[in-house]
PDB file of N, CA and C in Angstrom:
ATOM      1  N   UNK A   1       0.817  -1.211   0.000  1.00  0.00           N
ATOM      2  CA  UNK A   1       0.000   0.000   0.000  1.00  0.00           C
ATOM      3  C   UNK A   1       0.857   1.269   0.000  1.00  0.00           C
ATOM      4  N   UNK A   2       1.922   1.243   0.785  1.00  0.00           N
ATOM      5  CA  UNK A   2       2.796   2.411   0.845  1.00  0.00           C
ATOM      6  C   UNK A   2       3.445   2.658  -0.513  1.00  0.00           C
ATOM      7  N   UNK A   3       3.968   1.598  -1.113  1.00  0.00           N
ATOM      8  CA  UNK A   3       4.624   1.731  -2.418  1.00  0.00           C
ATOM      9  C   UNK A   3       3.638   2.213  -3.474  1.00  0.00           C
ATOM     10  N   UNK A   4       2.405   1.723  -3.448  1.00  0.00           N
ATOM     11  CA  UNK A   4       1.434   2.159  -4.458  1.00  0.00           C
ATOM     12  C   UNK A   4       1.030   3.616  -4.251  1.00  0.00           C
ATOM     13  N   UNK A   5       0.977   4.062  -3.006  1.00  0.00           N
ATOM     14  CA  UNK A   5       0.700   5.491  -2.755  1.00  0.00           C
ATOM     15  C   UNK A   5       1.811   6.369  -3.320  1.00  0.00           C
ATOM     16  N   UNK A   6       3.055   5.955  -3.121  1.00  0.00           N
ATOM     17  CA  UNK A   6       4.170   6.720  -3.684  1.00  0.00           C
ATOM     18  C   UNK A   6       4.131   6.669  -5.213  1.00  0.00           C
ATOM     19  N   UNK A   7       3.838   5.514  -5.788  1.00  0.00           N
ATOM     20  CA  UNK A   7       3.769   5.404  -7.249  1.00  0.00           C
ATOM     21  C   UNK A   7       2.725   6.362  -7.813  1.00  0.00           C
ATOM     22  N   UNK A   8       1.586   6.459  -7.131  1.00  0.00           N
ATOM     23  CA  UNK A   8       0.543   7.389  -7.567  1.00  0.00           C
ATOM     24  C   UNK A   8       1.030   8.837  -7.470  1.00  0.00           C
ATOM     25  N   UNK A   9       1.748   9.150  -6.409  1.00  0.00           N
ATOM     26  CA  UNK A   9       2.265  10.510  -6.242  1.00  0.00           C
ATOM     27  C   UNK A   9       3.274  10.844  -7.336  1.00  0.00           C
ATOM     28  N   UNK A  10       4.128   9.871  -7.691  1.00  0.00           N
ATOM     29  CA  UNK A  10       5.155  10.141  -8.696  1.00  0.00           C
ATOM     30  C   UNK A  10       4.593  10.202 -10.125  1.00  0.00           C
ATOM     31  N   UNK A  11       3.337   9.887 -10.309  1.00  0.00           N
ATOM     32  CA  UNK A  11       2.703  10.129 -11.609  1.00  0.00           C
ATOM     33  C   UNK A  11       2.393  11.621 -11.779  1.00  0.00           C
ATOM     34  N   UNK A  12       2.411  12.367 -10.655  1.00  0.00           N
ATOM     35  CA  UNK A  12       2.094  13.792 -10.689  1.00  0.00           C
ATOM     36  C   UNK A  12       3.291  14.701 -10.418  1.00  0.00           C
ATOM     37  N   UNK A  13       4.376  14.133  -9.909  1.00  0.00           N
ATOM     38  CA  UNK A  13       5.537  14.968  -9.591  1.00  0.00           C
ATOM     39  C   UNK A  13       6.829  14.170  -9.769  1.00  0.00           C
ATOM     40  N   UNK A  14       7.947  14.867  -9.797  1.00  0.00           N
ATOM     41  CA  UNK A  14       9.250  14.227  -9.974  1.00  0.00           C
ATOM     42  C   UNK A  14       9.938  13.904  -8.657  1.00  0.00           C
ATOM     43  N   UNK A  15       9.788  14.787  -7.672  1.00  0.00           N
ATOM     44  CA  UNK A  15      10.439  14.636  -6.374  1.00  0.00           C
ATOM     45  C   UNK A  15       9.446  15.081  -5.304  1.00  0.00           C
ATOM     46  N   UNK A  16       9.444  14.380  -4.189  1.00  0.00           N
ATOM     47  CA  UNK A  16       8.591  14.758  -3.059  1.00  0.00           C
ATOM     48  C   UNK A  16       9.498  15.391  -2.005  1.00  0.00           C
ATOM     49  N   UNK A  17       9.068  16.535  -1.491  1.00  0.00           N
ATOM     50  CA  UNK A  17       9.865  17.271  -0.513  1.00  0.00           C
ATOM     51  C   UNK A  17       9.045  17.456   0.754  1.00  0.00           C
ATOM     52  N   UNK A  18       9.694  17.222   1.888  1.00  0.00           N
ATOM     53  CA  UNK A  18       9.027  17.412   3.175  1.00  0.00           C
ATOM     54  C   UNK A  18      10.051  17.432   4.292  1.00  0.00           C
ATOM     55  N   UNK A  19       9.581  17.541   5.508  1.00  0.00           N
ATOM     56  CA  UNK A  19      10.522  17.537   6.636  1.00  0.00           C
ATOM     57  C   UNK A  19      11.137  16.157   6.833  1.00  0.00           C
ATOM     58  N   UNK A  20      12.345  16.118   7.343  1.00  0.00           N
ATOM     59  CA  UNK A  20      13.003  14.859   7.665  1.00  0.00           C
ATOM     60  C   UNK A  20      12.486  14.322   8.990  1.00  0.00           C
ATOM     61  N   UNK A  21      12.159  15.213   9.894  1.00  0.00           N
ATOM     62  CA  UNK A  21      11.767  14.839  11.252  1.00  0.00           C
ATOM     63  C   UNK A  21      10.693  15.802  11.740  1.00  0.00           C
ATOM     64  N   UNK A  22       9.847  15.364  12.673  1.00  0.00           N
ATOM     65  CA  UNK A  22       8.829  16.277  13.204  1.00  0.00           C
ATOM     66  C   UNK A  22       9.387  17.348  14.141  1.00  0.00           C
ATOM     67  N   UNK A  23      10.674  17.248  14.471  1.00  0.00           N
ATOM     68  CA  UNK A  23      11.299  18.242  15.350  1.00  0.00           C
ATOM     69  C   UNK A  23      12.717  18.514  14.866  1.00  0.00           C
ATOM     70  N   UNK A  24      13.345  19.477  15.502  1.00  0.00           N
ATOM     71  CA  UNK A  24      14.745  19.758  15.170  1.00  0.00           C
ATOM     72  C   UNK A  24      15.617  18.628  15.711  1.00  0.00           C
ATOM     73  N   UNK A  25      16.894  18.711  15.419  1.00  0.00           N
ATOM     74  CA  UNK A  25      17.851  17.762  15.985  1.00  0.00           C
ATOM     75  C   UNK A  25      17.843  17.905  17.502  1.00  0.00           C
ATOM     76  N   UNK A  26      18.187  16.837  18.185  1.00  0.00           N
ATOM     77  CA  UNK A  26      18.270  16.891  19.642  1.00  0.00           C
ATOM     78  C   UNK A  26      19.589  17.542  20.055  1.00  0.00           C
ATOM     79  N   UNK A  27      19.574  18.157  21.202  1.00  0.00           N
ATOM     80  CA  UNK A  27      20.836  18.596  21.784  1.00  0.00           C
ATOM     81  C   UNK A  27      21.588  17.346  22.222  1.00  0.00           C
ATOM     82  N   UNK A  28      22.903  17.426  22.274  1.00  0.00           N
ATOM     83  CA  UNK A  28      23.728  16.280  22.631  1.00  0.00           C
ATOM     84  C   UNK A  28      23.263  15.643  23.931  1.00  0.00           C
ATOM     85  N   UNK A  29      22.955  14.334  23.880  1.00  0.00           N
ATOM     86  CA  UNK A  29      22.552  13.576  25.054  1.00  0.00           C
ATOM     87  C   UNK A  29      21.127  13.802  25.511  1.00  0.00           C
ATOM     88  N   UNK A  30      20.378  14.672  24.840  1.00  0.00           N
ATOM     89  CA  UNK A  30      19.041  15.052  25.303  1.00  0.00           C
ATOM     90  C   UNK A  30      18.064  13.890  25.356  1.00  0.00           C
ATOM     91  N   UNK A  31      18.033  13.025  24.370  1.00  0.00           N
ATOM     92  CA  UNK A  31      17.049  11.943  24.312  1.00  0.00           C
ATOM     93  C   UNK A  31      17.681  10.570  24.567  1.00  0.00           C
ATOM     94  N   UNK A  32      18.883  10.525  25.055  1.00  0.00           N
ATOM     95  CA  UNK A  32      19.592   9.259  25.242  1.00  0.00           C
ATOM     96  C   UNK A  32      18.819   8.303  26.141  1.00  0.00           C
ATOM     97  N   UNK A  33      18.083   8.799  27.112  1.00  0.00           N
ATOM     98  CA  UNK A  33      17.340   7.952  28.038  1.00  0.00           C
ATOM     99  C   UNK A  33      15.917   7.677  27.550  1.00  0.00           C
ATOM    100  N   UNK A  34      15.556   8.181  26.388  1.00  0.00           N
ATOM    101  CA  UNK A  34      14.190   8.017  25.879  1.00  0.00           C
ATOM    102  C   UNK A  34      14.214   7.460  24.458  1.00  0.00           C
ATOM    103  N   UNK A  35      14.412   6.136  24.312  1.00  0.00           N
ATOM    104  CA  UNK A  35      14.508   5.547  22.971  1.00  0.00           C
ATOM    105  C   UNK A  35      13.236   5.690  22.148  1.00  0.00           C
ATOM    106  N   UNK A  36      12.084   5.785  22.784  1.00  0.00           N
ATOM    107  CA  UNK A  36      10.831   5.953  22.036  1.00  0.00           C
ATOM    108  C   UNK A  36      10.828   7.298  21.320  1.00  0.00           C
ATOM    109  N   UNK A  37      11.242   8.357  22.007  1.00  0.00           N
ATOM    110  CA  UNK A  37      11.316   9.673  21.367  1.00  0.00           C
ATOM    111  C   UNK A  37      12.323   9.669  20.233  1.00  0.00           C
ATOM    112  N   UNK A  38      13.428   8.982  20.422  1.00  0.00           N
ATOM    113  CA  UNK A  38      14.428   8.896  19.356  1.00  0.00           C
ATOM    114  C   UNK A  38      13.846   8.168  18.150  1.00  0.00           C
ATOM    115  N   UNK A  39      13.109   7.085  18.389  1.00  0.00           N
ATOM    116  CA  UNK A  39      12.478   6.336  17.303  1.00  0.00           C
ATOM    117  C   UNK A  39      11.449   7.205  16.577  1.00  0.00           C
ATOM    118  N   UNK A  40      10.641   7.927  17.334  1.00  0.00           N
ATOM    119  CA  UNK A  40       9.596   8.755  16.724  1.00  0.00           C
ATOM    120  C   UNK A  40      10.168   9.890  15.876  1.00  0.00           C
ATOM    121  N   UNK A  41      11.394  10.278  16.132  1.00  0.00           N
ATOM    122  CA  UNK A  41      11.986  11.336  15.318  1.00  0.00           C
ATOM    123  C   UNK A  41      12.239  10.864  13.884  1.00  0.00           C
ATOM    124  N   UNK A  42      12.237   9.558  13.664  1.00  0.00           N
ATOM    125  CA  UNK A  42      12.439   8.991  12.322  1.00  0.00           C
ATOM    126  C   UNK A  42      11.133   8.699  11.584  1.00  0.00           C
ATOM    127  N   UNK A  43      10.019   9.088  12.147  1.00  0.00           N
ATOM    128  CA  UNK A  43       8.710   8.695  11.624  1.00  0.00           C
ATOM    129  C   UNK A  43       8.505   9.089  10.152  1.00  0.00           C
ATOM    130  N   UNK A  44       9.053  10.226   9.716  1.00  0.00           N
ATOM    131  CA  UNK A  44       8.854  10.673   8.335  1.00  0.00           C
ATOM    132  C   UNK A  44       9.734   9.936   7.335  1.00  0.00           C
ATOM    133  N   UNK A  45      10.738   9.241   7.807  1.00  0.00           N
ATOM    134  CA  UNK A  45      11.627   8.516   6.886  1.00  0.00           C
ATOM    135  C   UNK A  45      11.256   7.040   6.759  1.00  0.00           C
ATOM    136  N   UNK A  46      10.408   6.547   7.625  1.00  0.00           N
ATOM    137  CA  UNK A  46      10.090   5.117   7.644  1.00  0.00           C
ATOM    138  C   UNK A  46       9.368   4.674   6.367  1.00  0.00           C
ATOM    139  N   UNK A  47       8.379   5.435   5.927  1.00  0.00           N
ATOM    140  CA  UNK A  47       7.616   5.040   4.728  1.00  0.00           C
ATOM    141  C   UNK A  47       8.521   4.952   3.502  1.00  0.00           C
ATOM    142  N   UNK A  48       9.466   5.857   3.401  1.00  0.00           N
ATOM    143  CA  UNK A  48      10.399   5.849   2.270  1.00  0.00           C
ATOM    144  C   UNK A  48      11.215   4.552   2.281  1.00  0.00           C
ATOM    145  N   UNK A  49      11.695   4.177   3.451  1.00  0.00           N
ATOM    146  CA  UNK A  49      12.470   2.941   3.578  1.00  0.00           C
ATOM    147  C   UNK A  49      11.615   1.713   3.294  1.00  0.00           C
ATOM    148  N   UNK A  50      10.400   1.683   3.795  1.00  0.00           N
ATOM    149  CA  UNK A  50       9.519   0.537   3.555  1.00  0.00           C
ATOM    150  C   UNK A  50       9.177   0.385   2.076  1.00  0.00           C
ATOM    151  N   UNK A  51       9.049   1.516   1.379  1.00  0.00           N
ATOM    152  CA  UNK A  51       8.731   1.471  -0.052  1.00  0.00           C
ATOM    153  C   UNK A  51       9.972   1.198  -0.896  1.00  0.00           C
ATOM    154  N   UNK A  52      11.160   1.304  -0.300  1.00  0.00           N
ATOM    155  CA  UNK A  52      12.393   1.062  -1.042  1.00  0.00           C
ATOM    156  C   UNK A  52      12.766   2.187  -1.986  1.00  0.00           C
ATOM    157  N   UNK A  53      12.367   3.394  -1.639  1.00  0.00           N
ATOM    158  CA  UNK A  53      12.646   4.560  -2.477  1.00  0.00           C
ATOM    159  C   UNK A  53      13.933   5.244  -2.051  1.00  0.00           C
ATOM    160  N   UNK A  54      14.593   5.934  -2.978  1.00  0.00           N
ATOM    161  CA  UNK A  54      15.766   6.720  -2.590  1.00  0.00           C
ATOM    162  C   UNK A  54      15.336   8.011  -1.901  1.00  0.00           C
ATOM    163  N   UNK A  55      16.051   8.362  -0.861  1.00  0.00           N
ATOM    164  CA  UNK A  55      15.768   9.591  -0.144  1.00  0.00           C
ATOM    165  C   UNK A  55      17.061  10.214   0.346  1.00  0.00           C
ATOM    166  N   UNK A  56      17.008  11.498   0.584  1.00  0.00           N
ATOM    167  CA  UNK A  56      18.171  12.216   1.090  1.00  0.00           C
ATOM    168  C   UNK A  56      17.669  13.329   2.009  1.00  0.00           C
ATOM    169  N   UNK A  57      18.419  13.590   3.051  1.00  0.00           N
ATOM    170  CA  UNK A  57      18.115  14.696   3.955  1.00  0.00           C
ATOM    171  C   UNK A  57      19.224  15.727   3.821  1.00  0.00           C
ATOM    172  N   UNK A  58      18.818  16.978   3.618  1.00  0.00           N
ATOM    173  CA  UNK A  58      19.791  18.059   3.486  1.00  0.00           C
ATOM    174  C   UNK A  58      19.415  19.186   4.456  1.00  0.00           C
ATOM    175  N   UNK A  59      20.388  19.977   4.868  1.00  0.00           N
ATOM    176  CA  UNK A  59      20.102  21.086   5.782  1.00  0.00           C
ATOM    177  C   UNK A  59      19.218  22.141   5.119  1.00  0.00           C
ATOM    178  N   UNK A  60      18.247  22.658   5.894  1.00  0.00           N
ATOM    179  CA  UNK A  60      17.392  23.703   5.319  1.00  0.00           C
ATOM    180  C   UNK A  60      17.133  24.849   6.279  1.00  0.00           C
ATOM    181  N   UNK A  61      17.856  24.889   7.369  1.00  0.00           N
ATOM    182  CA  UNK A  61      17.675  26.003   8.281  1.00  0.00           C
ATOM    183  C   UNK A  61      17.928  25.609   9.715  1.00  0.00           C
ATOM    184  N   UNK A  62      17.551  26.526  10.622  1.00  0.00           N
ATOM    185  CA  UNK A  62      17.737  26.315  12.045  1.00  0.00           C
ATOM    186  C   UNK A  62      16.496  26.800  12.776  1.00  0.00           C
ATOM    187  N   UNK A  63      16.147  26.112  13.859  1.00  0.00           N
ATOM    188  CA  UNK A  63      15.048  26.536  14.726  1.00  0.00           C
ATOM    189  C   UNK A  63      15.531  26.372  16.160  1.00  0.00           C
ATOM    190  N   UNK A  64      15.481  27.439  16.908  1.00  0.00           N
ATOM    191  CA  UNK A  64      15.973  27.387  18.272  1.00  0.00           C
ATOM    192  C   UNK A  64      17.439  27.040  18.359  1.00  0.00           C
ATOM    193  N   UNK A  65      18.202  27.406  17.347  1.00  0.00           N
ATOM    194  CA  UNK A  65      19.629  27.119  17.329  1.00  0.00           C
ATOM    195  C   UNK A  65      19.980  25.709  16.896  1.00  0.00           C
ATOM    196  N   UNK A  66      18.990  24.907  16.536  1.00  0.00           N
ATOM    197  CA  UNK A  66      19.227  23.518  16.139  1.00  0.00           C
ATOM    198  C   UNK A  66      18.888  23.314  14.667  1.00  0.00           C
ATOM    199  N   UNK A  67      19.619  22.432  13.986  1.00  0.00           N
ATOM    200  CA  UNK A  67      19.403  22.245  12.552  1.00  0.00           C
ATOM    201  C   UNK A  67      18.078  21.564  12.214  1.00  0.00           C
ATOM    202  N   UNK A  68      17.539  21.953  11.069  1.00  0.00           N
ATOM    203  CA  UNK A  68      16.314  21.372  10.527  1.00  0.00           C
ATOM    204  C   UNK A  68      16.676  20.688   9.209  1.00  0.00           C
ATOM    205  N   UNK A  69      16.147  19.479   9.008  1.00  0.00           N
ATOM    206  CA  UNK A  69      16.437  18.728   7.792  1.00  0.00           C
ATOM    207  C   UNK A  69      15.285  18.753   6.808  1.00  0.00           C
ATOM    208  N   UNK A  70      15.618  18.823   5.540  1.00  0.00           N
ATOM    209  CA  UNK A  70      14.661  18.761   4.441  1.00  0.00           C
ATOM    210  C   UNK A  70      14.849  17.417   3.751  1.00  0.00           C
ATOM    211  N   UNK A  71      13.794  16.618   3.710  1.00  0.00           N
ATOM    212  CA  UNK A  71      13.868  15.299   3.078  1.00  0.00           C
ATOM    213  C   UNK A  71      13.380  15.384   1.626  1.00  0.00           C
ATOM    214  N   UNK A  72      14.184  14.871   0.727  1.00  0.00           N
ATOM    215  CA  UNK A  72      13.795  14.761  -0.677  1.00  0.00           C
ATOM    216  C   UNK A  72      13.652  13.283  -0.989  1.00  0.00           C
ATOM    217  N   UNK A  73      12.568  12.919  -1.638  1.00  0.00           N
ATOM    218  CA  UNK A  73      12.281  11.530  -1.977  1.00  0.00           C
ATOM    219  C   UNK A  73      12.173  11.421  -3.483  1.00  0.00           C
ATOM    220  N   UNK A  74      12.884  10.457  -4.042  1.00  0.00           N
ATOM    221  CA  UNK A  74      12.853  10.252  -5.485  1.00  0.00           C
ATOM    222  C   UNK A  74      12.116   8.973  -5.853  1.00  0.00           C
ATOM    223  N   UNK A  75      11.811   8.858  -7.116  1.00  0.00           N
ATOM    224  CA  UNK A  75      11.140   7.671  -7.629  1.00  0.00           C
ATOM    225  C   UNK A  75      12.148   6.526  -7.759  1.00  0.00           C
ATOM    226  N   UNK A  76      11.642   5.338  -7.940  1.00  0.00           N
ATOM    227  CA  UNK A  76      12.502   4.173  -8.118  1.00  0.00           C
ATOM    228  C   UNK A  76      13.486   4.394  -9.267  1.00  0.00           C
ATOM    229  N   UNK A  77      14.731   4.091  -9.025  1.00  0.00           N
ATOM    230  CA  UNK A  77      15.799   4.164 -10.028  1.00  0.00           C
ATOM    231  C   UNK A  77      15.971   5.562 -10.627  1.00  0.00           C
ATOM    232  N   UNK A  78      15.576   6.575  -9.870  1.00  0.00           N
ATOM    233  CA  UNK A  78      15.706   7.957 -10.340  1.00  0.00           C
ATOM    234  C   UNK A  78      16.607   8.758  -9.398  1.00  0.00           C
ATOM    235  N   UNK A  79      17.667   8.102  -8.936  1.00  0.00           N
ATOM    236  CA  UNK A  79      18.592   8.746  -8.010  1.00  0.00           C
ATOM    237  C   UNK A  79      19.267   9.972  -8.614  1.00  0.00           C
ATOM    238  N   UNK A  80      19.523   9.949  -9.906  1.00  0.00           N
ATOM    239  CA  UNK A  80      20.188  11.087 -10.548  1.00  0.00           C
ATOM    240  C   UNK A  80      19.350  12.355 -10.404  1.00  0.00           C
ATOM    241  N   UNK A  81      18.053  12.255 -10.611  1.00  0.00           N
ATOM    242  CA  UNK A  81      17.176  13.428 -10.469  1.00  0.00           C
ATOM    243  C   UNK A  81      17.147  13.884  -9.008  1.00  0.00           C
ATOM    244  N   UNK A  82      17.093  12.932  -8.085  1.00  0.00           N
ATOM    245  CA  UNK A  82      17.065  13.251  -6.665  1.00  0.00           C
ATOM    246  C   UNK A  82      18.341  13.987  -6.248  1.00  0.00           C
ATOM    247  N   UNK A  83      19.478  13.456  -6.613  1.00  0.00           N
ATOM    248  CA  UNK A  83      20.750  14.093  -6.268  1.00  0.00           C
ATOM    249  C   UNK A  83      20.903  15.448  -6.961  1.00  0.00           C
ATOM    250  N   UNK A  84      20.431  15.546  -8.190  1.00  0.00           N
ATOM    251  CA  UNK A  84      20.469  16.825  -8.899  1.00  0.00           C
ATOM    252  C   UNK A  84      19.606  17.878  -8.217  1.00  0.00           C
ATOM    253  N   UNK A  85      18.447  17.475  -7.736  1.00  0.00           N
ATOM    254  CA  UNK A  85      17.558  18.397  -7.023  1.00  0.00           C
ATOM    255  C   UNK A  85      18.218  18.878  -5.730  1.00  0.00           C
ATOM    256  N   UNK A  86      18.812  17.952  -4.984  1.00  0.00           N
ATOM    257  CA  UNK A  86      19.505  18.316  -3.744  1.00  0.00           C
ATOM    258  C   UNK A  86      20.665  19.260  -4.038  1.00  0.00           C
ATOM    259  N   UNK A  87      21.392  18.967  -5.090  1.00  0.00           N
ATOM    260  CA  UNK A  87      22.535  19.806  -5.456  1.00  0.00           C
ATOM    261  C   UNK A  87      22.085  21.218  -5.828  1.00  0.00           C
ATOM    262  N   UNK A  88      21.037  21.316  -6.600  1.00  0.00           N
ATOM    263  CA  UNK A  88      20.548  22.648  -7.003  1.00  0.00           C
ATOM    264  C   UNK A  88      20.022  23.445  -5.802  1.00  0.00           C
ATOM    265  N   UNK A  89      19.377  22.739  -4.858  1.00  0.00           N
ATOM    266  CA  UNK A  89      18.927  23.416  -3.643  1.00  0.00           C
ATOM    267  C   UNK A  89      20.131  23.987  -2.888  1.00  0.00           C
ATOM    268  N   UNK A  90      21.174  23.194  -2.773  1.00  0.00           N
ATOM    269  CA  UNK A  90      22.356  23.670  -2.067  1.00  0.00           C
ATOM    270  C   UNK A  90      23.062  24.790  -2.825  1.00  0.00           C
ATOM    271  N   UNK A  91      22.974  24.796  -4.123  1.00  0.00           N
ATOM    272  CA  UNK A  91      23.544  25.903  -4.893  1.00  0.00           C
ATOM    273  C   UNK A  91      22.776  27.195  -4.633  1.00  0.00           C
ATOM    274  N   UNK A  92      21.477  27.080  -4.367  1.00  0.00           N
ATOM    275  CA  UNK A  92      20.623  28.256  -4.176  1.00  0.00           C
ATOM    276  C   UNK A  92      20.582  28.737  -2.725  1.00  0.00           C
ATOM    277  N   UNK A  93      21.116  27.950  -1.788  1.00  0.00           N
ATOM    278  CA  UNK A  93      21.082  28.318  -0.370  1.00  0.00           C
ATOM    279  C   UNK A  93      22.477  28.170   0.236  1.00  0.00           C
ATOM    280  N   UNK A  94      22.612  28.599   1.467  1.00  0.00           N
ATOM    281  CA  UNK A  94      23.888  28.450   2.172  1.00  0.00           C
ATOM    282  C   UNK A  94      23.753  27.639   3.458  1.00  0.00           C
ATOM    283  N   UNK A  95      22.617  26.980   3.647  1.00  0.00           N
ATOM    284  CA  UNK A  95      22.396  26.238   4.890  1.00  0.00           C
ATOM    285  C   UNK A  95      23.459  25.172   5.120  1.00  0.00           C
ATOM    286  N   UNK A  96      23.920  24.540   4.082  1.00  0.00           N
ATOM    287  CA  UNK A  96      24.907  23.471   4.234  1.00  0.00           C
ATOM    288  C   UNK A  96      26.270  23.992   4.664  1.00  0.00           C
ATOM    289  N   UNK A  97      26.474  25.283   4.626  1.00  0.00           N
ATOM    290  CA  UNK A  97      27.746  25.884   5.027  1.00  0.00           C
ATOM    291  C   UNK A  97      27.706  26.446   6.445  1.00  0.00           C
ATOM    292  N   UNK A  98      26.520  26.484   7.049  1.00  0.00           N
ATOM    293  CA  UNK A  98      26.357  27.116   8.354  1.00  0.00           C
ATOM    294  C   UNK A  98      26.352  26.077   9.473  1.00  0.00           C
ATOM    295  N   UNK A  99      26.642  26.546  10.688  1.00  0.00           N
ATOM    296  CA  UNK A  99      26.748  25.668  11.845  1.00  0.00           C
ATOM    297  C   UNK A  99      25.759  26.100  12.917  1.00  0.00           C
ATOM    298  N   UNK A 100      25.247  25.156  13.697  1.00  0.00           N
ATOM    299  CA  UNK A 100      24.254  25.492  14.727  1.00  0.00           C
ATOM    300  C   UNK A 100      24.714  26.567  15.696  1.00  0.00           C
ATOM    301  N   UNK A 101      25.992  26.614  16.049  1.00  0.00           N
ATOM    302  CA  UNK A 101      26.455  27.596  17.015  1.00  0.00           C
ATOM    303  C   UNK A 101      26.312  29.034  16.506  1.00  0.00           C
ATOM    304  N   UNK A 102      26.098  29.212  15.207  1.00  0.00           N
ATOM    305  CA  UNK A 102      25.871  30.539  14.658  1.00  0.00           C
ATOM    306  C   UNK A 102      24.461  31.041  14.968  1.00  0.00           C
ATOM    307  N   UNK A 103      23.581  30.128  15.438  1.00  0.00           N
ATOM    308  CA  UNK A 103      22.182  30.466  15.625  1.00  0.00           C
ATOM    309  C   UNK A 103      21.718  30.241  17.058  1.00  0.00           C
ATOM    310  N   UNK A 104      22.626  30.222  18.020  1.00  0.00           N
ATOM    311  CA  UNK A 104      22.246  30.040  19.413  1.00  0.00           C
ATOM    312  C   UNK A 104      21.318  31.165  19.847  1.00  0.00           C
ATOM    313  N   UNK A 105      20.360  30.803  20.685  1.00  0.00           N
ATOM    314  CA  UNK A 105      19.397  31.794  21.168  1.00  0.00           C
ATOM    315  C   UNK A 105      19.991  32.705  22.208  1.00  0.00           C
TER     316      UNK A 105
END
C-alpha cells in the first residue's frame, strides 16, 4: 500500500519534498534515556524505507539554534534526479555551510 501510494504521487511529480523529522535535531545527550522519542523522530523517513525509495536529507535552516532537515524523496531508479535536485537546492542556499552555534538563542 505504501509503495502504491508513492507510485501514484510520482505520476504527478518528480520529487517529493518534506521535513526529515517532526522536530529539530536533539541537543547532545538530550534523548539518550528516551529511545521511544528517538524512534519517533524517524517517523517521516520510515515510509520511504519501507517502499524502497531513494531519499536524502539536506540542511534547510535552524530553529531554536538547532538544525532542521529537508527530506527529498525520489522515484525508483531515479537517483540522478534526486541528487540533482539536492545539489541545485544547495547551490541556491547556504544552509549546508552554516553551523548550529551561529544560531544560538
